[in-house]
N, C-alpha and C. Protein backbone atom coordinates (compact mmCIF):
# COMPACT_ATOMS: atom_id res chain seq x y z
N MET A 1 0.93 -1.25 0.16
CA MET A 1 0.11 0.08 0.00
C MET A 1 0.86 1.23 -0.02
N LYS A 2 0.38 2.21 -0.74
CA LYS A 2 1.04 3.59 -0.73
C LYS A 2 0.95 4.26 0.42
N THR A 3 1.95 5.16 1.00
CA THR A 3 1.69 5.83 2.24
C THR A 3 0.89 7.01 1.80
N SER A 4 1.06 7.13 0.92
CA SER A 4 0.17 8.53 0.31
C SER A 4 -1.26 8.28 0.28
N GLU A 5 -1.62 7.14 0.32
CA GLU A 5 -3.29 6.53 0.45
C GLU A 5 -3.82 6.26 1.75
N LEU A 6 -2.83 6.25 2.86
CA LEU A 6 -3.25 6.02 4.06
C LEU A 6 -4.39 6.73 4.65
N GLY A 7 -5.09 6.15 5.38
CA GLY A 7 -6.31 7.28 6.07
C GLY A 7 -6.97 6.40 7.10
N GLY A 8 -7.58 6.97 7.97
CA GLY A 8 -8.41 6.48 9.19
C GLY A 8 -7.57 5.65 10.06
N GLN A 9 -8.10 4.53 10.50
CA GLN A 9 -7.52 3.84 11.42
C GLN A 9 -6.14 3.21 11.11
N VAL A 10 -6.16 3.01 9.80
CA VAL A 10 -4.92 2.20 9.02
C VAL A 10 -3.67 3.24 9.38
N LEU A 11 -4.14 4.53 9.00
CA LEU A 11 -3.14 5.55 9.20
C LEU A 11 -2.82 5.80 10.57
N HIS A 12 -3.81 6.10 11.66
CA HIS A 12 -3.38 6.19 12.97
C HIS A 12 -2.47 5.11 13.61
N ASP A 13 -2.78 3.91 13.18
CA ASP A 13 -1.90 2.57 13.58
C ASP A 13 -0.53 2.85 13.24
N TRP A 14 -0.33 3.17 11.85
CA TRP A 14 1.05 3.30 11.25
C TRP A 14 1.61 4.46 11.68
N ILE A 15 1.18 5.56 12.37
CA ILE A 15 1.76 6.80 12.76
C ILE A 15 2.26 6.35 14.02
N ALA A 16 1.38 5.80 15.02
CA ALA A 16 1.66 5.07 16.37
C ALA A 16 3.03 4.16 16.31
N LYS A 17 2.97 3.28 15.23
CA LYS A 17 4.20 2.42 15.16
C LYS A 17 5.28 3.20 14.63
N ALA A 18 5.24 4.12 13.96
CA ALA A 18 6.54 4.84 13.22
C ALA A 18 7.00 5.52 14.61
N LEU A 19 6.24 6.13 15.57
CA LEU A 19 6.86 7.14 16.54
C LEU A 19 6.93 6.17 17.56
N GLY A 20 6.63 4.91 17.61
CA GLY A 20 7.05 4.08 18.86
C GLY A 20 6.06 4.19 20.11
N GLU A 21 4.68 4.58 19.66
CA GLU A 21 3.66 4.88 20.71
C GLU A 21 2.64 3.69 20.52
N ALA A 22 1.94 3.83 21.60
CA ALA A 22 0.85 2.76 21.84
C ALA A 22 -0.20 3.27 21.03
N PRO A 23 -0.82 2.39 20.19
CA PRO A 23 -2.03 2.73 19.51
C PRO A 23 -3.27 3.38 19.98
N GLY A 24 -4.11 3.97 19.51
CA GLY A 24 -5.08 4.45 20.21
C GLY A 24 -5.73 5.99 19.94
N THR A 25 -4.45 6.68 19.45
CA THR A 25 -4.71 8.01 19.05
C THR A 25 -5.29 8.14 17.86
N ALA A 26 -6.35 9.25 17.55
CA ALA A 26 -6.89 9.59 16.16
C ALA A 26 -6.02 10.84 15.85
N TYR A 27 -5.01 10.48 15.28
CA TYR A 27 -3.92 11.26 14.87
C TYR A 27 -4.42 12.22 13.61
N SER A 28 -5.41 11.96 12.90
CA SER A 28 -6.04 12.73 11.91
C SER A 28 -6.92 13.99 12.45
N THR A 29 -7.50 13.87 13.73
CA THR A 29 -8.19 14.61 14.15
C THR A 29 -7.87 15.50 15.52
N SER A 30 -7.31 14.61 16.13
CA SER A 30 -6.82 15.00 17.65
C SER A 30 -5.63 14.72 17.93
N TRP A 31 -4.38 15.38 17.71
CA TRP A 31 -3.14 15.12 17.78
C TRP A 31 -2.32 15.54 19.05
N PRO A 32 -2.40 15.02 20.44
CA PRO A 32 -1.81 15.68 21.59
C PRO A 32 -0.22 16.17 21.14
N GLY A 33 0.18 17.24 21.25
CA GLY A 33 1.56 17.66 21.04
C GLY A 33 2.09 17.68 19.72
N PHE A 34 0.84 17.89 18.75
CA PHE A 34 1.40 18.10 17.30
C PHE A 34 2.21 19.22 17.08
N ASP A 35 1.92 20.35 17.65
CA ASP A 35 3.03 21.53 17.33
C ASP A 35 4.18 21.33 18.02
N HIS A 36 4.51 20.52 19.10
CA HIS A 36 5.70 20.25 19.45
C HIS A 36 6.64 19.21 18.51
N LEU A 37 5.84 18.30 18.10
CA LEU A 37 6.24 17.39 17.34
C LEU A 37 6.88 17.87 16.04
N ILE A 38 6.15 18.78 15.57
CA ILE A 38 6.50 19.38 14.17
C ILE A 38 8.05 20.20 14.32
N GLU A 39 7.93 20.86 15.43
CA GLU A 39 9.54 21.59 15.91
C GLU A 39 10.30 20.50 16.00
N ARG A 40 10.12 19.69 16.91
CA ARG A 40 11.14 18.57 17.58
C ARG A 40 11.69 17.77 16.31
N GLU A 41 10.93 17.42 15.41
CA GLU A 41 11.49 16.36 14.29
C GLU A 41 11.84 17.16 13.05
N ALA A 42 11.73 18.56 13.08
CA ALA A 42 11.90 19.34 11.92
C ALA A 42 10.99 18.85 10.93
N ILE A 43 9.82 19.01 10.93
CA ILE A 43 8.72 18.59 9.99
C ILE A 43 8.20 19.73 9.18
N HIS A 44 8.19 20.23 7.92
CA HIS A 44 7.65 21.20 7.22
C HIS A 44 6.27 20.64 6.76
N VAL A 45 5.44 21.63 6.89
CA VAL A 45 3.96 21.41 6.39
C VAL A 45 3.37 22.70 6.14
N ALA A 46 2.53 22.86 5.04
CA ALA A 46 2.21 23.95 4.36
C ALA A 46 1.04 23.57 3.28
N PRO A 47 -0.04 24.54 3.28
CA PRO A 47 -0.86 24.13 2.42
C PRO A 47 -0.40 24.68 0.83
N MET A 48 -0.96 23.95 -0.05
CA MET A 48 -0.40 24.36 -1.58
C MET A 48 -1.36 25.00 -2.29
N PRO A 49 -1.33 26.24 -2.54
CA PRO A 49 -2.31 27.08 -3.31
C PRO A 49 -2.47 26.41 -4.73
N GLY A 50 -1.34 26.22 -5.32
CA GLY A 50 -1.42 25.51 -6.69
C GLY A 50 -2.17 24.11 -6.74
N LYS A 51 -2.36 23.71 -5.61
CA LYS A 51 -2.94 22.14 -5.41
C LYS A 51 -4.35 22.20 -5.02
N GLY A 52 -4.93 23.54 -5.07
CA GLY A 52 -6.35 23.58 -4.34
C GLY A 52 -6.32 23.84 -2.92
N GLY A 53 -5.22 24.02 -2.24
CA GLY A 53 -5.31 24.05 -0.82
C GLY A 53 -4.76 22.72 -0.11
N VAL A 54 -4.63 21.71 -0.94
CA VAL A 54 -3.96 20.31 -0.32
C VAL A 54 -2.55 20.70 0.44
N TRP A 55 -2.70 20.05 1.71
CA TRP A 55 -1.64 19.93 2.56
C TRP A 55 -0.41 19.27 2.32
N CYS A 56 0.70 19.87 2.03
CA CYS A 56 1.99 19.00 1.88
C CYS A 56 2.88 18.86 3.03
N ALA A 57 3.66 17.78 3.22
CA ALA A 57 4.61 17.69 4.50
C ALA A 57 5.77 16.87 4.26
N ILE A 58 6.98 17.25 4.80
CA ILE A 58 7.93 16.36 4.63
C ILE A 58 8.68 16.38 6.04
N VAL A 59 9.16 15.35 6.34
CA VAL A 59 10.21 15.27 7.44
C VAL A 59 11.58 15.46 7.11
N VAL A 60 12.02 16.33 7.74
CA VAL A 60 13.65 16.81 7.55
C VAL A 60 14.34 16.17 8.49
N GLY A 61 13.77 15.96 9.86
CA GLY A 61 14.56 15.21 10.92
C GLY A 61 15.67 16.05 11.46
N ARG A 62 16.08 15.73 12.70
CA ARG A 62 17.16 16.43 13.46
C ARG A 62 17.89 15.16 13.94
N PRO A 63 19.27 15.53 14.24
CA PRO A 63 20.20 14.75 14.97
C PRO A 63 19.63 14.29 16.38
N GLY A 64 19.53 13.02 16.56
CA GLY A 64 19.03 12.54 17.82
C GLY A 64 17.48 12.42 17.94
N GLY A 65 16.54 12.79 16.89
CA GLY A 65 15.34 12.80 16.91
C GLY A 65 14.83 11.49 16.76
N ARG A 66 13.37 11.21 16.85
CA ARG A 66 12.97 9.97 16.72
C ARG A 66 12.93 9.47 15.31
N LEU A 67 12.83 10.29 14.29
CA LEU A 67 12.77 9.94 12.73
C LEU A 67 14.02 10.08 12.17
N PRO A 68 14.20 9.38 11.11
CA PRO A 68 15.56 9.29 10.43
C PRO A 68 15.58 10.81 9.69
N GLU A 69 17.04 11.40 9.58
CA GLU A 69 17.05 12.74 8.95
C GLU A 69 17.17 12.45 7.65
N GLY A 70 16.43 13.51 7.10
CA GLY A 70 16.66 13.63 5.34
C GLY A 70 16.00 12.64 4.72
N ARG A 71 14.98 11.89 5.24
CA ARG A 71 14.52 10.54 4.73
C ARG A 71 13.14 10.76 3.99
N GLY A 72 12.60 11.79 4.27
CA GLY A 72 11.06 11.61 4.01
C GLY A 72 10.88 12.30 2.71
N PRO A 73 9.90 11.38 1.86
CA PRO A 73 9.43 12.09 0.75
C PRO A 73 8.16 13.03 1.04
N TRP A 74 7.87 13.97 0.18
CA TRP A 74 6.63 14.74 0.38
C TRP A 74 5.43 14.03 0.28
N GLN A 75 4.51 14.34 1.18
CA GLN A 75 3.35 13.54 1.27
C GLN A 75 2.23 14.56 1.34
N GLU A 76 1.09 14.27 0.85
CA GLU A 76 -0.06 15.23 0.83
C GLU A 76 -1.16 14.86 1.51
N GLY A 77 -2.05 15.39 2.04
CA GLY A 77 -3.45 15.18 2.77
C GLY A 77 -4.23 16.38 2.68
N PRO A 78 -5.47 16.18 2.99
CA PRO A 78 -6.76 16.91 3.14
C PRO A 78 -6.53 17.69 4.24
N ASN A 79 -5.57 18.02 5.47
CA ASN A 79 -5.41 18.66 6.45
C ASN A 79 -4.05 18.47 6.91
N PRO A 80 -3.59 19.36 7.57
CA PRO A 80 -1.91 19.16 8.25
C PRO A 80 -1.88 17.91 8.88
N ARG A 81 -2.52 17.27 9.73
CA ARG A 81 -2.30 16.27 10.47
C ARG A 81 -2.17 15.09 9.56
N ILE A 82 -3.00 15.07 8.67
CA ILE A 82 -2.88 13.58 7.62
C ILE A 82 -1.93 13.76 6.91
N ALA A 83 -1.35 14.99 6.27
CA ALA A 83 -0.24 15.31 5.77
C ALA A 83 1.10 14.99 6.32
N VAL A 84 1.06 15.27 7.71
CA VAL A 84 2.41 15.05 8.36
C VAL A 84 2.34 13.63 8.98
N GLY A 85 1.06 12.95 9.38
CA GLY A 85 1.08 11.62 9.61
C GLY A 85 1.83 10.82 8.40
N ARG A 86 1.15 11.04 7.15
CA ARG A 86 1.74 10.24 5.92
C ARG A 86 3.30 10.48 6.18
N ALA A 87 3.57 11.65 6.18
CA ALA A 87 5.30 12.01 5.83
C ALA A 87 6.00 11.29 7.06
N ILE A 88 5.53 11.29 8.19
CA ILE A 88 6.10 10.34 9.34
C ILE A 88 6.26 8.86 8.74
N VAL A 89 5.15 8.45 8.53
CA VAL A 89 5.21 6.95 7.85
C VAL A 89 6.06 6.64 6.61
N ALA A 90 6.17 7.64 5.74
CA ALA A 90 6.92 7.48 4.74
C ALA A 90 8.57 7.91 5.06
N ALA A 91 8.56 8.70 5.94
CA ALA A 91 10.29 8.84 6.43
C ALA A 91 10.58 7.64 7.14
N ARG A 92 9.95 6.86 7.86
CA ARG A 92 10.27 5.75 8.68
C ARG A 92 10.35 4.42 7.64
N TYR A 93 9.37 4.10 7.02
CA TYR A 93 9.19 2.81 6.25
C TYR A 93 9.13 3.12 4.77
N GLY A 94 9.26 4.22 4.04
CA GLY A 94 9.07 4.51 2.50
C GLY A 94 7.75 4.69 2.04
N SER A 95 7.80 4.89 0.82
CA SER A 95 6.63 5.21 0.18
C SER A 95 5.55 3.90 -0.07
N GLU A 96 6.19 2.88 0.06
CA GLU A 96 5.36 1.88 0.16
C GLU A 96 5.38 0.85 1.37
N ILE A 97 4.13 0.43 2.06
CA ILE A 97 4.35 -0.31 2.99
C ILE A 97 3.37 -1.66 3.09
N GLN A 98 3.76 -2.62 3.94
CA GLN A 98 3.03 -3.79 3.76
C GLN A 98 1.59 -3.69 4.38
N ASP A 99 0.62 -4.04 3.78
CA ASP A 99 -0.73 -4.00 4.25
C ASP A 99 -0.48 -4.96 5.61
N SER A 100 -1.23 -4.34 6.66
CA SER A 100 -1.37 -4.77 7.84
C SER A 100 -2.73 -5.28 8.13
């Protein structure tokens, strides 16, 4: 499955796995510490006017962070949380993941 197609509970489970957290958080709607994660892991996220306002995100990473540095491909989503979630999964596991 492509990380760019992840959504719903499947996306939530993959984000938790990528961050080493217990499953159960609805990351796409309510993400505790979202702002701190963006800063701590050096994640860039912005709406793209040329794409109709779709949000795009990429994990740049920081030394000693939980995510690999410079590993993330750009990912898109209808809101910043989904775009960032997909970018986190892609940074950790690549653009294609095994269906779970």
